[in-house]
Structure formats: C-alpha cells, structure tokens
N, C-alpha and C. Protein backbone atom coordinates (compact mmCIF):
# COMPACT_ATOMS: atom_id res chain seq x y z
N MET A 1 131.78 93.64 -190.02
CA MET A 1 132.37 94.41 -188.94
C MET A 1 132.84 93.43 -187.87
N ARG A 2 133.94 93.77 -187.24
CA ARG A 2 134.53 92.88 -186.25
C ARG A 2 135.07 93.70 -185.09
N ALA A 3 134.92 93.16 -183.88
CA ALA A 3 135.45 93.82 -182.69
C ALA A 3 135.73 92.76 -181.64
N PHE A 4 136.52 93.11 -180.65
CA PHE A 4 136.87 92.18 -179.58
C PHE A 4 136.49 92.79 -178.24
N SER A 5 136.14 91.91 -177.29
CA SER A 5 135.78 92.33 -175.95
C SER A 5 136.13 91.20 -175.00
N LYS A 6 136.52 91.55 -173.77
CA LYS A 6 136.82 90.53 -172.76
C LYS A 6 135.64 90.36 -171.81
N ILE A 7 135.50 89.16 -171.29
CA ILE A 7 134.49 88.88 -170.27
C ILE A 7 135.09 89.29 -168.93
N ASP A 8 134.34 90.06 -168.14
CA ASP A 8 134.87 90.51 -166.85
C ASP A 8 134.72 89.44 -165.78
N GLU A 9 135.17 89.76 -164.59
CA GLU A 9 135.16 88.79 -163.48
C GLU A 9 133.76 88.33 -163.09
N GLU A 10 132.76 89.11 -163.42
CA GLU A 10 131.37 88.77 -163.09
C GLU A 10 130.64 88.12 -164.26
N GLY A 11 131.37 87.78 -165.34
CA GLY A 11 130.78 87.09 -166.47
C GLY A 11 130.12 87.99 -167.49
N ARG A 12 130.34 89.29 -167.39
CA ARG A 12 129.70 90.24 -168.31
C ARG A 12 130.63 90.55 -169.48
N ILE A 13 130.01 90.90 -170.60
CA ILE A 13 130.75 91.33 -171.77
C ILE A 13 130.18 92.65 -172.26
N SER A 14 131.04 93.55 -172.65
CA SER A 14 130.60 94.83 -173.21
C SER A 14 130.57 94.72 -174.73
N ILE A 15 129.55 95.28 -175.33
CA ILE A 15 129.49 95.34 -176.79
C ILE A 15 130.20 96.63 -177.21
N PRO A 16 131.24 96.53 -178.00
CA PRO A 16 132.02 97.72 -178.37
C PRO A 16 131.18 98.79 -179.05
N ASP A 17 131.61 100.06 -178.87
CA ASP A 17 130.88 101.22 -179.41
C ASP A 17 130.58 101.10 -180.89
N ASN A 18 131.57 100.70 -181.69
CA ASN A 18 131.35 100.66 -183.14
C ASN A 18 130.26 99.66 -183.51
N ILE A 19 130.16 98.56 -182.80
CA ILE A 19 129.11 97.56 -183.06
C ILE A 19 127.76 98.13 -182.62
N ARG A 20 127.70 98.73 -181.42
CA ARG A 20 126.43 99.30 -180.94
C ARG A 20 125.92 100.37 -181.89
N ARG A 21 126.80 101.24 -182.36
CA ARG A 21 126.37 102.28 -183.31
C ARG A 21 125.87 101.68 -184.62
N GLU A 22 126.58 100.69 -185.13
CA GLU A 22 126.23 100.07 -186.42
C GLU A 22 124.81 99.50 -186.41
N VAL A 23 124.44 98.85 -185.29
CA VAL A 23 123.12 98.20 -185.24
C VAL A 23 122.08 99.02 -184.48
N GLY A 24 122.48 100.17 -183.95
CA GLY A 24 121.53 101.05 -183.28
C GLY A 24 121.11 100.60 -181.89
N LEU A 25 122.02 99.97 -181.15
CA LEU A 25 121.71 99.57 -179.78
C LEU A 25 121.81 100.78 -178.85
N LYS A 26 120.81 100.95 -178.01
CA LYS A 26 120.75 102.07 -177.06
C LYS A 26 120.79 101.52 -175.64
N PRO A 27 121.18 102.34 -174.66
CA PRO A 27 121.14 101.89 -173.26
C PRO A 27 119.73 101.41 -172.90
N GLY A 28 119.65 100.27 -172.25
CA GLY A 28 118.37 99.69 -171.87
C GLY A 28 117.72 98.85 -172.95
N GLN A 29 118.36 98.76 -174.11
CA GLN A 29 117.83 97.97 -175.24
C GLN A 29 117.73 96.50 -174.85
N LEU A 30 116.64 95.86 -175.18
CA LEU A 30 116.46 94.44 -174.96
C LEU A 30 117.17 93.68 -176.09
N VAL A 31 117.98 92.69 -175.74
CA VAL A 31 118.64 91.85 -176.73
C VAL A 31 118.40 90.39 -176.38
N GLU A 32 118.39 89.55 -177.40
CA GLU A 32 118.27 88.10 -177.24
C GLU A 32 119.65 87.50 -177.53
N ILE A 33 120.11 86.61 -176.66
CA ILE A 33 121.42 85.98 -176.82
C ILE A 33 121.21 84.48 -176.99
N LYS A 34 121.73 83.94 -178.11
CA LYS A 34 121.56 82.53 -178.42
C LYS A 34 122.93 81.90 -178.72
N VAL A 35 123.04 80.61 -178.43
CA VAL A 35 124.21 79.83 -178.83
C VAL A 35 123.78 78.97 -180.00
N GLN A 36 124.56 79.01 -181.08
CA GLN A 36 124.25 78.23 -182.27
C GLN A 36 125.48 77.46 -182.71
N GLY A 37 125.28 76.52 -183.61
CA GLY A 37 126.37 75.75 -184.17
C GLY A 37 126.54 74.41 -183.47
N THR A 38 127.53 73.69 -183.93
CA THR A 38 127.82 72.37 -183.36
C THR A 38 128.75 72.53 -182.16
N VAL A 39 128.92 71.46 -181.42
CA VAL A 39 129.79 71.50 -180.24
C VAL A 39 131.20 71.95 -180.64
N GLN A 40 131.66 71.53 -181.79
CA GLN A 40 133.00 71.89 -182.25
C GLN A 40 133.09 73.32 -182.77
N ALA A 41 131.98 73.92 -183.15
CA ALA A 41 131.99 75.25 -183.75
C ALA A 41 130.83 76.10 -183.24
N GLN A 42 130.75 76.28 -181.92
CA GLN A 42 129.66 77.08 -181.36
C GLN A 42 129.97 78.56 -181.50
N TYR A 43 128.92 79.35 -181.65
CA TYR A 43 129.06 80.80 -181.68
C TYR A 43 127.85 81.44 -181.03
N ILE A 44 128.01 82.68 -180.60
CA ILE A 44 126.96 83.42 -179.92
C ILE A 44 126.35 84.41 -180.91
N VAL A 45 125.02 84.47 -180.93
CA VAL A 45 124.30 85.41 -181.78
C VAL A 45 123.50 86.34 -180.87
N ILE A 46 123.61 87.64 -181.10
CA ILE A 46 122.86 88.63 -180.32
C ILE A 46 121.91 89.34 -181.28
N HIS A 47 120.61 89.29 -180.95
CA HIS A 47 119.58 89.94 -181.76
C HIS A 47 119.01 91.12 -180.99
N LYS A 48 118.87 92.25 -181.66
CA LYS A 48 118.21 93.41 -181.08
C LYS A 48 116.71 93.12 -181.06
N ARG A 49 116.06 93.38 -179.95
CA ARG A 49 114.62 93.14 -179.81
C ARG A 49 113.92 94.40 -179.33
N LYS A 50 112.63 94.43 -179.59
CA LYS A 50 111.81 95.50 -179.02
C LYS A 50 111.35 95.06 -177.63
N ALA A 51 111.27 95.98 -176.72
CA ALA A 51 110.85 95.66 -175.36
C ALA A 51 109.39 95.23 -175.35
N ALA A 52 109.07 94.25 -174.50
CA ALA A 52 107.68 93.82 -174.33
C ALA A 52 106.91 94.91 -173.62
N ARG A 53 105.68 95.12 -174.01
CA ARG A 53 104.88 96.18 -173.38
C ARG A 53 103.86 95.62 -172.47
C-alpha cells in the first residue's frame, strides 16, 4: 500500500485514511517513529504500539 502526505508548517505529517484503516490506527494511538537505512537511503518506519499503563 502506498500513500503521500505533506509536512505542514509546524513539522507535522498526517497519516492518510487508507493507511490508518489498513493497520488499525485509532485517534490517540501510540506510535514509534524510527529512521533506518544509510545516509544515502534513509527511510522512516512507523510502528503501532500499545500505550504504557
């Protein structure tokens, strides 16, 4: 699955509806954001997490 989103003036990015539905992301969902790859080929990985209790 593939989607595009722009970063807003405050540095935020929205995860498109089709992606959120596919992975079951809900409002308030905790996610982990990591940068992986080499300097020449970096990419961002977002993992759905359970909230800490």
